[in-house]
């Protein structure tokens, strides 16, 4: 694999190799239909776009962000969706599609220290250092892939979809709720992410 990386160009999402960028571009129309990681990447982007328009979801995320910042310092809110099916339902129906999930299993707050320890994307960490926590929060989206729908090889690297979203007024005024302080450990095995910097 190391030798292949030196001589070939890989798909941006998986370990499919091409002799050149031109070959990769030429094959993309076919490859994107079978590239599970590309489909998850696209789904993560759609979830981000839905969150940007979904004030109810933003309310809960804002509260997690506010409480996390108050208790732990700067960091990122992570929306962890348990399947591609649930992600698609969220895109169609908004918060009502995920409202029955336990909040502490759905929304997590990761400090900069946790992101660094897990070697997350430097640009995500930079955003966490720069945002105004009284007005915005950083969001990453993770979708747990159905293993049977994915090939055996993992994606080239795990990076995070991130977005800077404004906090809702109600969440800015909320007090710290200890139950909402999220765990700091990432689940590595089958969570796939992709980089999409956006600011609202």
N, C-alpha and C. Protein backbone atom coordinates (compact mmCIF):
# COMPACT_ATOMS: atom_id res chain seq x y z
N UNK A 1 0.83 -1.20 0.00
CA UNK A 1 0.00 0.00 0.00
C UNK A 1 0.87 1.26 0.00
N UNK A 2 1.96 1.24 0.75
CA UNK A 2 2.85 2.41 0.79
C UNK A 2 3.46 2.68 -0.57
N UNK A 3 3.84 1.61 -1.29
CA UNK A 3 4.40 1.78 -2.63
C UNK A 3 3.35 2.33 -3.59
N UNK A 4 2.13 1.83 -3.48
CA UNK A 4 1.05 2.31 -4.35
C UNK A 4 0.81 3.79 -4.16
N UNK A 5 0.89 4.25 -2.91
CA UNK A 5 0.68 5.67 -2.64
C UNK A 5 1.72 6.54 -3.33
N UNK A 6 2.92 6.02 -3.49
CA UNK A 6 3.99 6.80 -4.12
C UNK A 6 3.82 6.89 -5.63
N UNK A 7 3.15 5.91 -6.24
CA UNK A 7 3.07 5.84 -7.69
C UNK A 7 1.69 6.16 -8.25
N UNK A 8 0.66 6.03 -7.42
CA UNK A 8 -0.70 6.17 -7.92
C UNK A 8 -1.46 7.25 -7.15
N UNK A 9 -2.60 7.63 -7.71
CA UNK A 9 -3.50 8.60 -7.09
C UNK A 9 -4.71 7.83 -6.57
N UNK A 10 -5.10 8.08 -5.33
CA UNK A 10 -6.25 7.35 -4.78
C UNK A 10 -7.52 8.18 -4.88
N UNK A 11 -8.65 7.50 -4.79
CA UNK A 11 -9.94 8.17 -4.62
C UNK A 11 -9.83 9.03 -3.37
N UNK A 12 -10.50 10.17 -3.35
CA UNK A 12 -10.43 11.06 -2.20
C UNK A 12 -11.13 10.48 -0.98
N UNK A 13 -11.91 9.42 -1.19
CA UNK A 13 -12.72 8.88 -0.10
C UNK A 13 -12.35 7.46 0.30
N UNK A 14 -11.73 6.69 -0.59
CA UNK A 14 -11.44 5.29 -0.29
C UNK A 14 -10.08 4.90 -0.85
N UNK A 15 -9.79 3.61 -0.86
CA UNK A 15 -8.50 3.11 -1.32
C UNK A 15 -8.53 2.59 -2.75
N UNK A 16 -9.33 3.15 -3.60
CA UNK A 16 -9.29 2.82 -5.02
C UNK A 16 -8.18 3.66 -5.64
N UNK A 17 -7.28 3.00 -6.38
CA UNK A 17 -6.12 3.69 -6.94
C UNK A 17 -6.25 3.88 -8.45
N UNK A 18 -5.68 4.99 -8.92
CA UNK A 18 -5.67 5.34 -10.34
C UNK A 18 -4.26 5.72 -10.75
N UNK A 19 -4.00 5.59 -12.05
CA UNK A 19 -2.65 5.91 -12.54
C UNK A 19 -2.42 7.42 -12.59
N UNK A 20 -3.50 8.22 -12.63
CA UNK A 20 -3.35 9.67 -12.69
C UNK A 20 -4.64 10.35 -12.23
N UNK A 21 -4.56 11.66 -12.01
CA UNK A 21 -5.76 12.41 -11.65
C UNK A 21 -6.78 12.39 -12.78
N UNK A 22 -6.29 12.39 -14.01
CA UNK A 22 -7.20 12.35 -15.16
C UNK A 22 -8.01 11.05 -15.17
N UNK A 23 -7.34 9.93 -14.87
CA UNK A 23 -8.05 8.65 -14.81
C UNK A 23 -9.08 8.66 -13.69
N UNK A 24 -8.71 9.26 -12.55
CA UNK A 24 -9.65 9.33 -11.43
C UNK A 24 -10.87 10.15 -11.82
N UNK A 25 -10.65 11.28 -12.46
CA UNK A 25 -11.77 12.12 -12.91
C UNK A 25 -12.63 11.39 -13.93
N UNK A 26 -11.98 10.68 -14.85
CA UNK A 26 -12.70 9.96 -15.90
C UNK A 26 -13.60 8.87 -15.29
N UNK A 27 -13.11 8.21 -14.25
CA UNK A 27 -13.85 7.09 -13.64
C UNK A 27 -14.88 7.54 -12.61
N UNK A 28 -14.86 8.80 -12.21
CA UNK A 28 -15.67 9.25 -11.09
C UNK A 28 -17.16 8.97 -11.27
N UNK A 29 -17.69 9.16 -12.46
CA UNK A 29 -19.13 8.95 -12.66
C UNK A 29 -19.54 7.51 -12.34
N UNK A 30 -18.66 6.55 -12.60
CA UNK A 30 -18.96 5.15 -12.25
C UNK A 30 -18.60 4.86 -10.79
N UNK A 31 -17.44 5.34 -10.39
CA UNK A 31 -16.94 5.00 -9.05
C UNK A 31 -17.82 5.56 -7.94
N UNK A 32 -18.37 6.74 -8.12
CA UNK A 32 -19.16 7.32 -7.04
C UNK A 32 -20.40 6.51 -6.73
N UNK A 33 -20.86 5.68 -7.69
CA UNK A 33 -22.02 4.83 -7.45
C UNK A 33 -21.69 3.67 -6.52
N UNK A 34 -20.42 3.27 -6.45
CA UNK A 34 -20.04 2.12 -5.63
C UNK A 34 -19.17 2.50 -4.43
N UNK A 35 -18.76 3.75 -4.34
CA UNK A 35 -17.88 4.18 -3.25
C UNK A 35 -18.72 4.50 -2.01
N UNK A 36 -18.73 3.56 -1.07
CA UNK A 36 -19.54 3.73 0.14
C UNK A 36 -19.12 4.96 0.93
N UNK A 37 -17.83 5.22 0.97
CA UNK A 37 -17.32 6.34 1.76
C UNK A 37 -17.71 7.67 1.14
N UNK A 38 -17.78 7.71 -0.18
CA UNK A 38 -18.24 8.92 -0.85
C UNK A 38 -19.71 9.18 -0.54
N UNK A 39 -20.49 8.11 -0.52
CA UNK A 39 -21.92 8.27 -0.22
C UNK A 39 -22.12 8.78 1.21
N UNK A 40 -21.32 8.28 2.14
CA UNK A 40 -21.42 8.75 3.52
C UNK A 40 -20.98 10.20 3.62
N UNK A 41 -19.93 10.54 2.90
CA UNK A 41 -19.45 11.92 2.84
C UNK A 41 -20.58 12.84 2.38
N UNK A 42 -21.24 12.47 1.29
CA UNK A 42 -22.34 13.27 0.76
C UNK A 42 -23.48 13.37 1.77
N UNK A 43 -23.77 12.26 2.44
CA UNK A 43 -24.83 12.25 3.44
C UNK A 43 -24.49 13.19 4.60
N UNK A 44 -23.23 13.19 5.03
CA UNK A 44 -22.81 14.11 6.10
C UNK A 44 -23.02 15.56 5.69
N UNK A 45 -22.69 15.87 4.44
CA UNK A 45 -22.88 17.24 3.93
C UNK A 45 -24.36 17.62 3.97
N UNK A 46 -25.22 16.67 3.59
CA UNK A 46 -26.66 16.95 3.60
C UNK A 46 -27.18 17.16 5.01
N UNK A 47 -26.65 16.40 5.97
CA UNK A 47 -27.04 16.59 7.37
C UNK A 47 -26.64 17.99 7.83
N UNK A 48 -25.43 18.41 7.50
CA UNK A 48 -24.98 19.77 7.86
C UNK A 48 -25.92 20.82 7.28
N UNK A 49 -26.27 20.67 6.02
CA UNK A 49 -27.16 21.64 5.38
C UNK A 49 -28.53 21.66 6.05
N UNK A 50 -29.01 20.48 6.47
CA UNK A 50 -30.30 20.41 7.17
C UNK A 50 -30.21 21.11 8.53
N UNK A 51 -29.12 20.87 9.26
CA UNK A 51 -28.94 21.50 10.57
C UNK A 51 -28.96 23.02 10.43
N UNK A 52 -28.36 23.52 9.38
CA UNK A 52 -28.31 24.98 9.18
C UNK A 52 -29.70 25.60 9.06
N UNK A 53 -30.69 24.78 8.66
CA UNK A 53 -32.05 25.30 8.49
C UNK A 53 -32.99 24.83 9.60
N UNK A 54 -32.50 24.04 10.53
CA UNK A 54 -33.34 23.39 11.53
C UNK A 54 -33.13 24.03 12.91
N UNK A 55 -33.98 24.97 13.25
CA UNK A 55 -33.80 25.73 14.49
C UNK A 55 -33.97 24.85 15.73
N UNK A 56 -34.81 23.82 15.64
CA UNK A 56 -35.00 22.95 16.81
C UNK A 56 -33.73 22.16 17.12
N UNK A 57 -33.10 21.61 16.09
CA UNK A 57 -31.84 20.90 16.29
C UNK A 57 -30.77 21.86 16.79
N UNK A 58 -30.73 23.05 16.22
CA UNK A 58 -29.75 24.06 16.65
C UNK A 58 -29.93 24.42 18.12
N UNK A 59 -31.17 24.42 18.59
CA UNK A 59 -31.42 24.72 20.01
C UNK A 59 -30.70 23.73 20.91
N UNK A 60 -30.87 22.43 20.64
CA UNK A 60 -30.23 21.40 21.47
C UNK A 60 -28.71 21.43 21.34
N UNK A 61 -28.24 21.64 20.12
CA UNK A 61 -26.80 21.73 19.91
C UNK A 61 -26.21 22.94 20.62
N UNK A 62 -26.92 24.05 20.58
CA UNK A 62 -26.45 25.27 21.25
C UNK A 62 -26.32 25.05 22.75
N UNK A 63 -27.27 24.32 23.32
CA UNK A 63 -27.22 24.04 24.75
C UNK A 63 -26.01 23.17 25.10
N UNK A 64 -25.78 22.13 24.30
CA UNK A 64 -24.60 21.27 24.51
C UNK A 64 -23.33 22.11 24.39
N UNK A 65 -23.28 22.97 23.38
CA UNK A 65 -22.10 23.82 23.16
C UNK A 65 -21.88 24.76 24.33
N UNK A 66 -22.94 25.37 24.79
CA UNK A 66 -22.84 26.34 25.90
C UNK A 66 -22.41 25.63 27.19
N UNK A 67 -23.07 24.52 27.49
CA UNK A 67 -22.74 23.78 28.71
C UNK A 67 -21.31 23.21 28.63
N UNK A 68 -20.96 22.69 27.47
CA UNK A 68 -19.62 22.14 27.28
C UNK A 68 -18.55 23.20 27.45
N UNK A 69 -18.78 24.35 26.85
CA UNK A 69 -17.81 25.45 26.96
C UNK A 69 -17.69 25.92 28.41
N UNK A 70 -18.83 26.05 29.09
CA UNK A 70 -18.81 26.51 30.48
C UNK A 70 -18.06 25.55 31.39
N UNK A 71 -18.23 24.25 31.16
CA UNK A 71 -17.62 23.25 32.05
C UNK A 71 -16.22 22.85 31.63
N UNK A 72 -15.96 22.83 30.33
CA UNK A 72 -14.73 22.21 29.83
C UNK A 72 -13.84 23.11 28.99
N UNK A 73 -14.37 24.26 28.56
CA UNK A 73 -13.59 25.14 27.69
C UNK A 73 -13.94 24.92 26.22
N UNK A 74 -13.14 25.51 25.36
CA UNK A 74 -13.40 25.46 23.92
C UNK A 74 -13.43 24.03 23.40
N UNK A 75 -14.28 23.84 22.38
CA UNK A 75 -14.38 22.51 21.77
C UNK A 75 -15.39 22.49 20.65
N UNK A 76 -15.83 21.29 20.32
CA UNK A 76 -16.72 21.07 19.19
C UNK A 76 -17.88 20.18 19.59
N UNK A 77 -19.06 20.50 19.09
CA UNK A 77 -20.23 19.63 19.26
C UNK A 77 -20.19 18.60 18.14
N UNK A 78 -20.42 17.34 18.50
CA UNK A 78 -20.47 16.27 17.51
C UNK A 78 -21.86 15.67 17.49
N UNK A 79 -22.47 15.66 16.31
CA UNK A 79 -23.75 14.98 16.10
C UNK A 79 -23.40 13.60 15.57
N UNK A 80 -23.65 12.57 16.38
CA UNK A 80 -23.32 11.20 16.00
C UNK A 80 -24.61 10.46 15.67
N UNK A 81 -24.78 10.13 14.40
CA UNK A 81 -25.98 9.46 13.91
C UNK A 81 -25.67 7.98 13.74
N UNK A 82 -26.57 7.13 14.23
CA UNK A 82 -26.26 5.71 14.35
C UNK A 82 -26.39 4.88 13.07
N UNK A 83 -26.89 5.46 11.99
CA UNK A 83 -26.98 4.71 10.73
C UNK A 83 -27.25 5.67 9.58
N UNK A 84 -26.98 5.20 8.38
CA UNK A 84 -27.28 6.01 7.20
C UNK A 84 -28.79 6.21 7.07
N UNK A 85 -29.55 5.20 7.46
CA UNK A 85 -31.02 5.29 7.40
C UNK A 85 -31.53 6.41 8.30
N UNK A 86 -31.01 6.48 9.52
CA UNK A 86 -31.40 7.55 10.45
C UNK A 86 -31.00 8.91 9.90
N UNK A 87 -29.81 8.98 9.30
CA UNK A 87 -29.36 10.25 8.71
C UNK A 87 -30.31 10.70 7.61
N UNK A 88 -30.73 9.77 6.76
CA UNK A 88 -31.67 10.12 5.69
C UNK A 88 -33.01 10.57 6.25
N UNK A 89 -33.46 9.90 7.32
CA UNK A 89 -34.71 10.32 7.96
C UNK A 89 -34.58 11.73 8.53
N UNK A 90 -33.42 12.04 9.13
CA UNK A 90 -33.21 13.38 9.66
C UNK A 90 -33.25 14.42 8.55
N UNK A 91 -32.63 14.13 7.43
CA UNK A 91 -32.62 15.07 6.30
C UNK A 91 -34.05 15.35 5.84
N UNK A 92 -34.89 14.32 5.85
CA UNK A 92 -36.28 14.50 5.40
C UNK A 92 -37.16 15.15 6.46
N UNK A 93 -37.03 14.71 7.73
CA UNK A 93 -38.00 15.10 8.75
C UNK A 93 -37.46 16.02 9.84
N UNK A 94 -36.17 16.31 9.84
CA UNK A 94 -35.62 17.19 10.85
C UNK A 94 -35.56 16.54 12.22
N UNK A 95 -35.61 17.37 13.26
CA UNK A 95 -35.41 16.91 14.63
C UNK A 95 -36.34 15.77 15.02
N UNK A 96 -37.56 15.76 14.52
CA UNK A 96 -38.52 14.71 14.90
C UNK A 96 -38.00 13.32 14.57
N UNK A 97 -37.11 13.19 13.59
CA UNK A 97 -36.57 11.89 13.21
C UNK A 97 -35.57 11.35 14.24
N UNK A 98 -35.01 12.24 15.06
CA UNK A 98 -34.01 11.80 16.04
C UNK A 98 -34.38 12.19 17.47
N UNK A 99 -35.56 12.76 17.66
CA UNK A 99 -35.96 13.26 18.97
C UNK A 99 -36.07 12.17 20.02
N UNK A 100 -36.32 10.92 19.62
CA UNK A 100 -36.47 9.83 20.58
C UNK A 100 -35.14 9.24 21.05
N UNK A 101 -34.05 9.65 20.43
CA UNK A 101 -32.73 9.16 20.85
C UNK A 101 -32.32 9.86 22.13
N UNK A 102 -31.58 9.16 22.99
CA UNK A 102 -31.05 9.80 24.19
C UNK A 102 -30.07 10.88 23.75
N UNK A 103 -30.24 12.06 24.30
CA UNK A 103 -29.42 13.20 23.89
C UNK A 103 -27.93 12.95 24.09
N UNK A 104 -27.58 12.24 25.18
CA UNK A 104 -26.15 12.00 25.45
C UNK A 104 -25.54 10.95 24.53
N UNK A 105 -26.36 10.27 23.73
CA UNK A 105 -25.82 9.34 22.72
C UNK A 105 -25.82 9.98 21.35
N UNK A 106 -26.52 11.07 21.21
CA UNK A 106 -26.68 11.75 19.93
C UNK A 106 -25.73 12.94 19.79
N UNK A 107 -25.65 13.73 20.85
CA UNK A 107 -24.83 14.95 20.83
C UNK A 107 -23.71 14.84 21.86
N UNK A 108 -22.50 15.15 21.42
CA UNK A 108 -21.32 15.03 22.27
C UNK A 108 -20.52 16.32 22.18
N UNK A 109 -19.80 16.62 23.24
CA UNK A 109 -18.93 17.79 23.25
C UNK A 109 -17.50 17.32 23.45
N UNK A 110 -16.62 17.68 22.52
CA UNK A 110 -15.22 17.30 22.58
C UNK A 110 -14.35 18.55 22.73
N UNK A 111 -13.53 18.55 23.73
CA UNK A 111 -12.63 19.68 23.95
C UNK A 111 -11.51 19.68 22.92
N UNK A 112 -10.82 20.79 22.83
CA UNK A 112 -9.66 20.87 21.94
C UNK A 112 -8.64 19.79 22.33
N UNK A 113 -8.44 19.59 23.63
CA UNK A 113 -7.48 18.57 24.08
C UNK A 113 -7.88 17.18 23.58
N UNK A 114 -9.17 16.86 23.61
CA UNK A 114 -9.63 15.56 23.12
C UNK A 114 -9.42 15.44 21.61
N UNK A 115 -9.70 16.52 20.89
CA UNK A 115 -9.50 16.52 19.44
C UNK A 115 -8.02 16.32 19.09
N UNK A 116 -7.15 16.99 19.83
CA UNK A 116 -5.71 16.85 19.60
C UNK A 116 -5.25 15.43 19.92
N UNK A 117 -5.73 14.90 21.06
CA UNK A 117 -5.33 13.55 21.47
C UNK A 117 -5.74 12.50 20.44
N UNK A 118 -6.86 12.73 19.79
CA UNK A 118 -7.35 11.79 18.78
C UNK A 118 -6.83 12.12 17.38
N UNK A 119 -5.93 13.11 17.29
CA UNK A 119 -5.31 13.51 16.02
C UNK A 119 -6.35 13.88 14.96
N UNK A 120 -7.32 14.65 15.38
CA UNK A 120 -8.34 15.11 14.45
C UNK A 120 -7.77 16.20 13.55
N UNK A 121 -8.51 16.50 12.53
CA UNK A 121 -8.03 17.41 11.49
C UNK A 121 -7.60 18.75 12.07
N UNK A 122 -6.40 19.22 11.72
CA UNK A 122 -5.90 20.49 12.27
C UNK A 122 -6.83 21.67 12.02
N UNK A 123 -7.50 21.70 10.87
CA UNK A 123 -8.39 22.84 10.59
C UNK A 123 -9.59 22.86 11.54
N UNK A 124 -10.06 21.69 11.99
CA UNK A 124 -11.13 21.63 12.98
C UNK A 124 -10.64 22.22 14.30
N UNK A 125 -9.45 21.84 14.70
CA UNK A 125 -8.87 22.34 15.95
C UNK A 125 -8.66 23.85 15.87
N UNK A 126 -8.21 24.33 14.71
CA UNK A 126 -8.03 25.77 14.50
C UNK A 126 -9.36 26.51 14.65
N UNK A 127 -10.42 25.97 14.04
CA UNK A 127 -11.75 26.58 14.19
C UNK A 127 -12.17 26.65 15.65
N UNK A 128 -11.90 25.57 16.39
CA UNK A 128 -12.26 25.54 17.81
C UNK A 128 -11.52 26.61 18.61
N UNK A 129 -10.33 26.96 18.17
CA UNK A 129 -9.55 27.99 18.87
C UNK A 129 -10.00 29.40 18.49
N UNK A 130 -10.69 29.55 17.36
CA UNK A 130 -10.98 30.88 16.84
C UNK A 130 -12.43 31.35 17.00
N UNK A 131 -13.38 30.44 17.15
CA UNK A 131 -14.78 30.85 17.15
C UNK A 131 -15.13 31.66 18.40
N UNK A 132 -16.21 32.43 18.31
CA UNK A 132 -16.70 33.21 19.44
C UNK A 132 -17.74 32.38 20.18
N UNK A 133 -17.41 31.79 21.33
CA UNK A 133 -18.34 30.88 22.00
C UNK A 133 -19.60 31.54 22.54
N UNK A 134 -19.64 32.87 22.60
CA UNK A 134 -20.87 33.54 23.04
C UNK A 134 -21.86 33.68 21.90
N UNK A 135 -21.42 33.41 20.67
CA UNK A 135 -22.27 33.63 19.51
C UNK A 135 -22.41 32.40 18.60
N UNK A 136 -21.39 31.54 18.58
CA UNK A 136 -21.39 30.43 17.63
C UNK A 136 -20.86 29.17 18.30
N UNK A 137 -21.02 28.05 17.59
CA UNK A 137 -20.37 26.82 18.01
C UNK A 137 -19.89 26.06 16.78
N UNK A 138 -18.94 25.15 17.00
CA UNK A 138 -18.40 24.33 15.92
C UNK A 138 -19.12 22.99 15.96
N UNK A 139 -19.57 22.53 14.80
CA UNK A 139 -20.30 21.27 14.70
C UNK A 139 -19.55 20.30 13.81
N UNK A 140 -19.42 19.06 14.26
CA UNK A 140 -18.94 17.98 13.40
C UNK A 140 -20.05 16.92 13.35
N UNK A 141 -20.16 16.26 12.22
CA UNK A 141 -21.18 15.22 12.03
C UNK A 141 -20.50 13.90 11.79
N UNK A 142 -20.93 12.86 12.50
CA UNK A 142 -20.42 11.51 12.30
C UNK A 142 -21.60 10.59 12.00
N UNK A 143 -21.43 9.74 11.01
CA UNK A 143 -22.45 8.75 10.69
C UNK A 143 -21.81 7.38 10.84
N UNK A 144 -22.42 6.53 11.64
CA UNK A 144 -21.90 5.18 11.82
C UNK A 144 -22.39 4.36 10.63
N UNK A 145 -21.43 3.89 9.85
CA UNK A 145 -21.75 3.19 8.61
C UNK A 145 -22.19 1.77 8.89
N UNK A 146 -23.11 1.28 8.06
CA UNK A 146 -23.50 -0.12 8.11
C UNK A 146 -22.36 -0.92 7.50
N UNK A 147 -21.72 -1.76 8.30
CA UNK A 147 -20.52 -2.47 7.87
C UNK A 147 -20.78 -3.31 6.62
N UNK A 148 -21.96 -3.91 6.53
CA UNK A 148 -22.22 -4.77 5.36
C UNK A 148 -22.30 -3.97 4.06
N UNK A 149 -22.48 -2.65 4.17
CA UNK A 149 -22.55 -1.83 2.97
C UNK A 149 -21.20 -1.23 2.59
N UNK A 150 -20.17 -1.52 3.37
CA UNK A 150 -18.86 -0.93 3.13
C UNK A 150 -17.84 -2.01 2.79
N UNK A 151 -16.86 -1.69 1.98
CA UNK A 151 -15.79 -2.65 1.70
C UNK A 151 -14.92 -2.86 2.93
N UNK A 152 -14.05 -3.86 2.89
CA UNK A 152 -13.20 -4.19 4.02
C UNK A 152 -12.18 -3.09 4.33
N UNK A 153 -11.71 -2.40 3.30
CA UNK A 153 -10.69 -1.38 3.54
C UNK A 153 -11.31 -0.11 4.09
N UNK A 154 -10.64 0.52 5.04
CA UNK A 154 -11.16 1.76 5.61
C UNK A 154 -10.92 2.94 4.68
N UNK A 155 -11.54 4.09 4.96
CA UNK A 155 -11.25 5.28 4.17
C UNK A 155 -9.82 5.71 4.45
N UNK A 156 -9.21 6.50 3.56
CA UNK A 156 -7.82 6.91 3.75
C UNK A 156 -7.54 7.56 5.09
N UNK A 157 -8.42 8.41 5.56
CA UNK A 157 -8.21 9.05 6.85
C UNK A 157 -9.55 9.52 7.38
N UNK A 158 -9.68 9.56 8.69
CA UNK A 158 -10.90 10.05 9.31
C UNK A 158 -10.76 11.53 9.57
N UNK A 159 -11.57 12.33 8.90
CA UNK A 159 -11.59 13.76 9.14
C UNK A 159 -13.01 14.15 9.48
N UNK A 160 -13.22 15.36 9.88
CA UNK A 160 -14.51 15.72 10.45
C UNK A 160 -15.21 16.79 9.64
N UNK A 161 -16.49 16.58 9.43
CA UNK A 161 -17.31 17.63 8.85
C UNK A 161 -17.51 18.65 9.95
N UNK A 162 -17.32 19.88 9.64
CA UNK A 162 -17.45 20.89 10.67
C UNK A 162 -18.20 22.10 10.13
N UNK A 163 -18.86 22.74 11.04
CA UNK A 163 -19.64 23.90 10.68
C UNK A 163 -19.68 24.83 11.87
N UNK A 164 -19.66 26.11 11.61
CA UNK A 164 -19.83 27.09 12.67
C UNK A 164 -21.27 27.56 12.61
N UNK A 165 -22.00 27.36 13.69
CA UNK A 165 -23.41 27.70 13.71
C UNK A 165 -23.68 28.71 14.82
N UNK A 166 -24.64 29.61 14.60
CA UNK A 166 -24.99 30.55 15.66
C UNK A 166 -25.72 29.82 16.78
N UNK A 167 -25.50 30.25 18.02
CA UNK A 167 -26.23 29.67 19.13
C UNK A 167 -27.60 30.30 19.20
N UNK A 168 -28.60 29.50 19.62
CA UNK A 168 -29.93 30.05 19.78
C UNK A 168 -29.96 30.92 21.04
N UNK A 169 -30.86 31.88 21.08
CA UNK A 169 -30.96 32.79 22.21
C UNK A 169 -31.24 32.04 23.51
N UNK A 170 -32.15 31.05 23.46
CA UNK A 170 -32.50 30.31 24.67
C UNK A 170 -31.30 29.56 25.22
N UNK A 171 -30.50 28.98 24.35
CA UNK A 171 -29.34 28.20 24.81
C UNK A 171 -28.28 29.12 25.41
N UNK A 172 -28.16 30.34 24.91
CA UNK A 172 -27.19 31.28 25.47
C UNK A 172 -27.49 31.57 26.93
N UNK A 173 -28.81 31.54 27.28
CA UNK A 173 -29.21 31.90 28.63
C UNK A 173 -29.34 30.68 29.54
N UNK A 174 -29.14 29.47 29.00
CA UNK A 174 -29.36 28.27 29.81
C UNK A 174 -28.23 28.07 30.81
N UNK A 175 -28.55 27.40 31.91
CA UNK A 175 -27.53 27.11 32.91
C UNK A 175 -26.92 25.74 32.64
N UNK A 176 -25.79 25.46 33.25
CA UNK A 176 -25.07 24.22 33.03
C UNK A 176 -25.86 23.04 33.57
N UNK A 177 -26.00 22.01 32.75
CA UNK A 177 -26.68 20.78 33.14
C UNK A 177 -25.64 19.66 33.15
N UNK A 178 -25.27 19.11 34.31
CA UNK A 178 -24.19 18.13 34.38
C UNK A 178 -24.44 16.91 33.51
N UNK A 179 -25.70 16.51 33.35
CA UNK A 179 -25.99 15.33 32.53
C UNK A 179 -25.62 15.54 31.08
N UNK A 180 -25.54 16.81 30.66
CA UNK A 180 -25.28 17.09 29.25
C UNK A 180 -23.79 17.18 28.93
N UNK A 181 -22.91 17.09 29.96
CA UNK A 181 -21.48 17.08 29.68
C UNK A 181 -21.14 15.75 29.05
N UNK A 182 -20.71 15.78 27.80
CA UNK A 182 -20.55 14.55 27.04
C UNK A 182 -19.22 13.88 27.30
N UNK A 183 -19.19 12.59 27.02
CA UNK A 183 -17.95 11.83 27.16
C UNK A 183 -16.89 12.37 26.23
N UNK A 184 -15.63 12.16 26.56
CA UNK A 184 -14.53 12.68 25.77
C UNK A 184 -13.87 11.62 24.90
N UNK A 185 -14.39 10.40 24.89
CA UNK A 185 -13.76 9.34 24.10
C UNK A 185 -14.48 9.16 22.78
N UNK A 186 -13.73 9.14 21.69
CA UNK A 186 -14.29 8.92 20.37
C UNK A 186 -14.49 7.43 20.16
N UNK A 187 -15.51 7.07 19.40
CA UNK A 187 -15.67 5.70 18.95
C UNK A 187 -15.04 5.63 17.58
N UNK A 188 -13.95 4.88 17.44
CA UNK A 188 -13.14 4.91 16.22
C UNK A 188 -13.64 3.95 15.15
N UNK A 189 -14.14 2.77 15.54
CA UNK A 189 -14.22 1.63 14.64
C UNK A 189 -14.93 1.90 13.33
N UNK A 190 -16.17 2.34 13.37
CA UNK A 190 -16.90 2.43 12.12
C UNK A 190 -17.58 3.78 11.94
N UNK A 191 -16.98 4.83 12.48
CA UNK A 191 -17.51 6.17 12.29
C UNK A 191 -16.72 6.83 11.18
N UNK A 192 -17.42 7.31 10.17
CA UNK A 192 -16.75 7.93 9.04
C UNK A 192 -17.12 9.40 8.98
N UNK A 193 -16.13 10.22 8.65
CA UNK A 193 -16.35 11.66 8.61
C UNK A 193 -15.70 12.23 7.37
N UNK A 194 -16.06 13.46 7.03
CA UNK A 194 -15.41 14.12 5.91
C UNK A 194 -15.34 15.61 6.17
N UNK A 195 -14.46 16.30 5.48
CA UNK A 195 -14.21 17.71 5.76
C UNK A 195 -15.07 18.61 4.90
N UNK A 196 -15.88 19.43 5.52
CA UNK A 196 -16.70 20.41 4.81
C UNK A 196 -16.79 21.66 5.66
N UNK A 197 -15.81 22.55 5.56
CA UNK A 197 -15.87 23.75 6.39
C UNK A 197 -17.00 24.68 5.94
N UNK A 198 -17.89 25.02 6.84
CA UNK A 198 -18.96 25.95 6.52
C UNK A 198 -19.15 26.88 7.70
N UNK A 199 -19.64 28.05 7.42
CA UNK A 199 -19.94 29.00 8.49
C UNK A 199 -21.30 29.60 8.21
N UNK A 200 -22.13 29.66 9.26
CA UNK A 200 -23.47 30.21 9.11
C UNK A 200 -23.48 31.62 9.64
